[in-house]
């Protein structure tokens, strides 16, 4: 048994939740994953994992052993990295997952500047508004916009906040009138961005009052750009980050409503796997994100 390989296999099987996911991540066959865990258990004379065809869980001994294994492997990685040039000079392939609309609105035009600043970095930017598993899918860092960031073992660094507005085209408001309170939205055509954490319920606050309105619109889209296009076309109202419609509002193509109420605010985070061993290319990109988004519009 290669002890270090077995420890890495055990750790990734636990963190990724299955032998199959560990197999894909480590580039080993499922049989090799199973063999390494079995040999590790035989060496320790204790069962580390309870395994069935449908699920896997740590035993009590496995939980204790996992905590110590993670500490040892992280310390080894830090020791190796301290001697590697990638800790000193940002270099290598950087894989980034980012939401499409935010990237197009605030980041994509600056990417050539980042690459010019760090000529030894190659960037693979995947734009998708759907959330990815950055460990299993092999990303170094992800940009996420959310009003409720889920608990996880990942490190999350807040970059900016994105206030929302309710808005519509003047033509729509001329036909249907403007809502005077959040409850009035139930009588309007509402356009939903379905990947939002608040797609089905819009929440507002005002002084000591709050209101939540259930939303079930005729038009649901997985792109904020599609929502914006429908707004400009006069199809209905929507709750959308001001950043995405600021130019349309300034041009008079859209008008905000319910301005005396404060809707939900979305925060933008940089998410990455580990705080203890951040390689230079990831650290450089984090600094770039703070530079580009850290002074985001309020």
Protein backbone atom coordinates (compact mmCIF):
# COMPACT_ATOMS: atom_id res chain seq x y z
CA UNK A 1 0.00 0.00 0.00
CA UNK A 2 1.21 3.49 -0.89
CA UNK A 3 0.29 5.19 2.40
CA UNK A 4 0.18 8.74 1.05
CA UNK A 5 -2.00 7.73 -1.89
CA UNK A 6 -4.35 5.84 0.42
CA UNK A 7 -4.68 8.86 2.72
CA UNK A 8 -5.45 11.14 -0.23
CA UNK A 9 -8.01 8.68 -1.56
CA UNK A 10 -9.69 8.44 1.85
CA UNK A 11 -9.81 12.21 2.23
CA UNK A 12 -11.29 12.86 -1.21
CA UNK A 13 -13.81 10.06 -0.90
CA UNK A 14 -15.08 11.69 2.30
CA UNK A 15 -15.09 15.25 0.96
CA UNK A 16 -16.66 14.42 -2.40
CA UNK A 17 -19.18 12.01 -0.91
CA UNK A 18 -18.55 8.94 -3.06
CA UNK A 19 -15.90 6.65 -4.50
CA UNK A 20 -17.05 7.58 -8.01
CA UNK A 21 -16.48 11.31 -7.43
CA UNK A 22 -13.07 10.62 -5.86
CA UNK A 23 -12.21 8.44 -8.85
CA UNK A 24 -13.00 11.27 -11.30
CA UNK A 25 -11.16 13.89 -9.25
CA UNK A 26 -7.99 11.85 -8.65
CA UNK A 27 -7.85 10.16 -12.05
CA UNK A 28 -7.90 6.68 -10.52
CA UNK A 29 -10.20 3.78 -11.35
CA UNK A 30 -13.12 3.06 -8.99
CA UNK A 31 -11.44 -0.28 -8.21
CA UNK A 32 -8.24 1.53 -7.18
CA UNK A 33 -10.22 3.86 -4.91
CA UNK A 34 -11.94 0.92 -3.20
CA UNK A 35 -8.67 -1.00 -2.89
CA UNK A 36 -6.83 1.91 -1.26
CA UNK A 37 -9.56 2.46 1.32
CA UNK A 38 -9.79 -1.27 2.09
CA UNK A 39 -6.02 -1.57 2.51
CA UNK A 40 -5.97 1.49 4.75
CA UNK A 41 -8.70 -0.04 6.93
CA UNK A 42 -6.80 -3.34 7.05
CA UNK A 43 -3.60 -1.53 8.06
CA UNK A 44 -5.44 0.29 10.87
CA UNK A 45 -7.54 -2.74 11.80
CA UNK A 46 -10.62 -0.52 12.01
CA UNK A 47 -13.53 0.33 9.73
CA UNK A 48 -13.40 3.95 8.55
CA UNK A 49 -16.42 4.10 6.24
CA UNK A 50 -19.86 2.55 6.23
CA UNK A 51 -20.66 1.80 2.58
CA UNK A 52 -23.83 0.72 0.81
CA UNK A 53 -24.81 0.86 -2.85
CA UNK A 54 -26.57 4.19 -2.22
CA UNK A 55 -24.65 6.09 0.42
CA UNK A 56 -21.43 6.37 2.35
CA UNK A 57 -20.78 7.69 5.85
CA UNK A 58 -17.92 7.95 8.31
CA UNK A 59 -17.76 5.67 11.32
CA UNK A 60 -16.88 7.20 14.68
CA UNK A 61 -13.28 6.07 14.20
CA UNK A 62 -13.40 7.40 10.63
CA UNK A 63 -14.43 10.87 11.82
CA UNK A 64 -11.50 11.03 14.25
CA UNK A 65 -9.05 9.72 11.66
CA UNK A 66 -10.34 12.07 8.90
CA UNK A 67 -9.71 15.17 11.03
CA UNK A 68 -6.12 14.14 11.67
CA UNK A 69 -5.53 13.08 8.05
CA UNK A 70 -6.71 16.44 6.73
CA UNK A 71 -4.34 18.26 9.07
CA UNK A 72 -1.38 16.07 8.06
CA UNK A 73 -2.06 16.32 4.31
CA UNK A 74 -2.55 20.10 4.49
CA UNK A 75 0.72 20.47 6.37
CA UNK A 76 2.50 18.36 3.74
CA UNK A 77 0.98 20.43 0.94
CA UNK A 78 2.07 23.65 2.64
CA UNK A 79 5.60 22.29 3.04
CA UNK A 80 5.78 21.28 -0.63
CA UNK A 81 4.27 24.54 -1.79
CA UNK A 82 6.71 26.64 0.21
CA UNK A 83 9.48 25.34 -2.01
CA UNK A 84 7.63 25.59 -5.32
CA UNK A 85 7.98 28.53 -7.71
CA UNK A 86 4.19 28.72 -8.12
CA UNK A 87 4.04 30.03 -4.55
CA UNK A 88 6.21 32.97 -5.58
CA UNK A 89 5.22 33.70 -9.19
CA UNK A 90 1.62 33.53 -10.44
CA UNK A 91 1.74 30.94 -13.19
CA UNK A 92 -0.08 27.96 -14.68
CA UNK A 93 -3.66 27.26 -15.76
CA UNK A 94 -6.31 29.11 -13.73
CA UNK A 95 -9.84 27.67 -14.01
CA UNK A 96 -12.59 30.10 -12.98
CA UNK A 97 -16.36 29.66 -12.79
CA UNK A 98 -18.39 32.88 -12.91
CA UNK A 99 -21.99 34.01 -13.47
CA UNK A 100 -22.47 35.14 -17.04
CA UNK A 101 -24.35 38.42 -16.59
CA UNK A 102 -22.12 39.79 -13.83
CA UNK A 103 -19.00 38.81 -15.78
CA UNK A 104 -20.19 40.49 -18.97
CA UNK A 105 -21.31 43.59 -17.06
CA UNK A 106 -18.28 44.12 -14.84
CA UNK A 107 -15.37 41.74 -15.49
CA UNK A 108 -14.90 40.45 -19.02
CA UNK A 109 -13.49 43.71 -20.39
CA UNK A 110 -10.79 43.67 -17.69
CA UNK A 111 -9.65 40.06 -18.23
CA UNK A 112 -7.05 41.02 -20.89
CA UNK A 113 -5.56 43.45 -18.36
CA UNK A 114 -5.27 40.66 -15.78
CA UNK A 115 -3.58 38.35 -18.31
CA UNK A 116 -1.20 41.11 -19.41
CA UNK A 117 -0.26 41.70 -15.79
CA UNK A 118 0.51 38.00 -15.26
CA UNK A 119 1.96 36.64 -18.53
CA UNK A 120 2.62 33.17 -17.09
CA UNK A 121 -1.06 32.55 -16.26
CA UNK A 122 -3.46 30.89 -18.71
CA UNK A 123 -7.14 31.56 -17.96
CA UNK A 124 -10.01 29.14 -18.55
CA UNK A 125 -13.13 31.21 -17.75
CA UNK A 126 -16.41 29.28 -17.68
CA UNK A 127 -19.45 31.56 -17.57
CA UNK A 128 -22.63 29.92 -16.30
CA UNK A 129 -25.31 31.29 -13.98
CA UNK A 130 -25.83 27.80 -12.56
CA UNK A 131 -23.82 26.85 -9.49
CA UNK A 132 -20.98 24.35 -9.93
CA UNK A 133 -19.15 22.06 -7.51
CA UNK A 134 -15.76 23.72 -7.73
CA UNK A 135 -13.83 20.85 -6.14
CA UNK A 136 -15.40 18.04 -8.12
CA UNK A 137 -15.37 20.03 -11.38
CA UNK A 138 -11.76 21.09 -10.92
CA UNK A 139 -12.10 24.88 -10.59
CA UNK A 140 -9.56 26.96 -8.71
CA UNK A 141 -12.04 29.69 -7.81
CA UNK A 142 -15.69 30.58 -8.38
CA UNK A 143 -17.57 33.87 -8.29
CA UNK A 144 -21.01 33.52 -6.75
CA UNK A 145 -23.85 35.99 -6.31
CA UNK A 146 -26.32 35.06 -3.59
CA UNK A 147 -28.53 36.56 -0.90
CA UNK A 148 -27.95 33.39 1.19
CA UNK A 149 -24.55 31.72 0.78
CA UNK A 150 -24.85 28.10 1.90
CA UNK A 151 -22.64 26.64 4.61
CA UNK A 152 -19.73 24.62 3.24
CA UNK A 153 -16.08 23.81 3.78
CA UNK A 154 -15.16 26.32 1.08
CA UNK A 155 -13.65 29.72 1.84
CA UNK A 156 -15.88 32.66 0.81
CA UNK A 157 -14.62 36.23 0.48
CA UNK A 158 -17.22 38.94 0.00
CA UNK A 159 -16.46 41.26 -2.91
CA UNK A 160 -19.45 43.56 -3.29
CA UNK A 161 -23.18 44.00 -2.77
CA UNK A 162 -25.74 44.36 -5.56
CA UNK A 163 -28.88 46.31 -4.58
CA UNK A 164 -32.03 45.40 -6.51
CA UNK A 165 -34.80 47.51 -7.98
CA UNK A 166 -38.28 46.79 -9.25
CA UNK A 167 -38.66 48.34 -12.67
CA UNK A 168 -40.63 48.27 -15.91
CA UNK A 169 -40.80 50.07 -19.23
CA UNK A 170 -42.83 53.32 -19.35
CA UNK A 171 -45.11 51.65 -21.92
CA UNK A 172 -46.02 48.91 -19.45
CA UNK A 173 -46.63 51.38 -16.62
CA UNK A 174 -48.79 53.54 -18.88
CA UNK A 175 -50.98 50.51 -19.63
CA UNK A 176 -51.15 48.94 -16.18
CA UNK A 177 -50.21 51.66 -13.70
CA UNK A 178 -47.42 51.53 -11.13
CA UNK A 179 -47.70 49.39 -7.99
CA UNK A 180 -47.92 51.55 -4.86
CA UNK A 181 -47.13 48.78 -2.38
CA UNK A 182 -45.48 45.34 -2.64
CA UNK A 183 -48.90 43.67 -2.40
CA UNK A 184 -49.94 45.36 -5.66
CA UNK A 185 -47.40 43.19 -7.50
CA UNK A 186 -49.88 40.29 -7.37
CA UNK A 187 -51.98 42.17 -9.94
CA UNK A 188 -49.05 42.68 -12.33
CA UNK A 189 -47.16 40.60 -14.87
CA UNK A 190 -43.89 39.69 -13.15
CA UNK A 191 -40.80 38.28 -14.86
CA UNK A 192 -38.73 35.83 -12.83
CA UNK A 193 -35.02 35.07 -12.86
CA UNK A 194 -35.37 31.43 -11.84
CA UNK A 195 -31.78 30.83 -10.66
CA UNK A 196 -32.16 33.47 -7.95
CA UNK A 197 -32.59 32.38 -4.35
CA UNK A 198 -35.64 34.66 -4.17
CA UNK A 199 -37.23 33.78 -7.52
CA UNK A 200 -40.58 32.70 -6.08
CA UNK A 201 -40.92 35.30 -3.34
CA UNK A 202 -39.86 38.94 -3.38
CA UNK A 203 -39.22 40.49 0.03
CA UNK A 204 -39.26 44.20 0.87
CA UNK A 205 -38.65 46.30 3.98
CA UNK A 206 -39.56 49.84 4.96
CA UNK A 207 -38.82 51.35 8.37
CA UNK A 208 -40.31 48.78 10.77
CA UNK A 209 -42.48 47.11 8.12
CA UNK A 210 -41.71 44.18 5.85
CA UNK A 211 -43.60 42.42 3.10
CA UNK A 212 -43.12 39.19 1.15
CA UNK A 213 -44.96 38.67 -2.12
CA UNK A 214 -45.30 35.22 -3.79
CA UNK A 215 -44.37 35.40 -7.49
CA UNK A 216 -45.54 33.07 -10.24
CA UNK A 217 -45.01 34.84 -13.55
CA UNK A 218 -45.84 33.81 -17.10
CA UNK A 219 -42.22 34.34 -18.12
CA UNK A 220 -39.37 32.67 -16.25
CA UNK A 221 -35.78 32.83 -17.49
CA UNK A 222 -32.36 31.58 -16.36
CA UNK A 223 -30.62 34.74 -17.63
CA UNK A 224 -30.82 38.24 -16.19
CA UNK A 225 -30.12 39.54 -19.69
CA UNK A 226 -33.30 37.84 -20.93
CA UNK A 227 -35.22 39.40 -18.04
CA UNK A 228 -33.82 42.82 -18.95
CA UNK A 229 -34.82 42.40 -22.59
CA UNK A 230 -38.37 41.52 -21.58
CA UNK A 231 -38.52 44.56 -19.32
CA UNK A 232 -37.38 46.91 -22.09
CA UNK A 233 -39.94 45.34 -24.43
CA UNK A 234 -42.69 46.35 -22.00
CA UNK A 235 -43.73 42.81 -21.06
CA UNK A 236 -43.91 43.31 -17.30
CA UNK A 237 -42.17 44.15 -14.02
CA UNK A 238 -39.19 42.45 -12.46
CA UNK A 239 -36.89 42.55 -9.43
CA UNK A 240 -33.37 42.81 -10.85
CA UNK A 241 -29.92 44.05 -9.74
CA UNK A 242 -29.67 47.79 -10.47
CA UNK A 243 -26.26 47.17 -12.05
CA UNK A 244 -27.87 45.31 -14.96
CA UNK A 245 -30.43 48.01 -15.79
CA UNK A 246 -28.70 51.22 -14.70
CA UNK A 247 -28.04 52.34 -18.26
CA UNK A 248 -31.63 51.62 -19.34
CA UNK A 249 -32.94 53.61 -16.36
CA UNK A 250 -30.63 56.53 -17.17
CA UNK A 251 -31.86 56.49 -20.78
CA UNK A 252 -35.51 56.48 -19.70
CA UNK A 253 -36.19 53.06 -21.24
CA UNK A 254 -37.01 51.69 -17.78
CA UNK A 255 -38.53 53.30 -14.68
CA UNK A 256 -38.19 52.12 -11.09
CA UNK A 257 -41.22 51.66 -8.86
CA UNK A 258 -41.71 51.04 -5.13
CA UNK A 259 -38.73 53.30 -4.50
CA UNK A 260 -39.76 53.85 -0.87
CA UNK A 261 -39.36 50.13 -0.19
CA UNK A 262 -35.99 48.32 0.06
CA UNK A 263 -35.90 44.99 -1.76
CA UNK A 264 -33.48 42.13 -1.24
CA UNK A 265 -29.75 42.76 -1.76
CA UNK A 266 -27.44 40.17 -3.33
CA UNK A 267 -23.83 39.77 -2.24
CA UNK A 268 -21.04 38.67 -4.55
CA UNK A 269 -18.39 36.30 -3.21
CA UNK A 270 -15.15 34.73 -4.37
CA UNK A 271 -15.22 31.08 -3.30
CA UNK A 272 -12.20 28.77 -3.25
CA UNK A 273 -11.30 25.46 -1.61
CA UNK A 274 -8.69 26.28 1.04
CA UNK A 275 -7.48 29.22 3.10
CA UNK A 276 -4.32 27.44 4.25
CA UNK A 277 -2.62 26.93 0.91
CA UNK A 278 -3.59 29.55 -1.68
CA UNK A 279 -1.27 29.31 -4.67
CA UNK A 280 0.03 32.49 -6.24
CA UNK A 281 -2.24 32.37 -9.31
CA UNK A 282 -5.37 32.20 -7.10
CA UNK A 283 -4.09 34.94 -4.80
CA UNK A 284 -3.41 37.16 -7.82
CA UNK A 285 -6.93 36.61 -9.16
CA UNK A 286 -8.46 37.33 -5.76
CA UNK A 287 -6.59 40.65 -5.66
CA UNK A 288 -7.84 41.39 -9.17
CA UNK A 289 -11.45 40.68 -8.18
CA UNK A 290 -11.18 43.00 -5.18
CA UNK A 291 -9.72 45.66 -7.46
CA UNK A 292 -12.53 45.31 -10.02
CA UNK A 293 -15.53 44.60 -7.77
CA UNK A 294 -14.51 45.80 -4.32
CA UNK A 295 -15.89 49.27 -4.93
CA UNK A 296 -19.09 48.02 -6.54
CA UNK A 297 -22.10 50.33 -6.77
CA UNK A 298 -24.23 50.65 -3.67
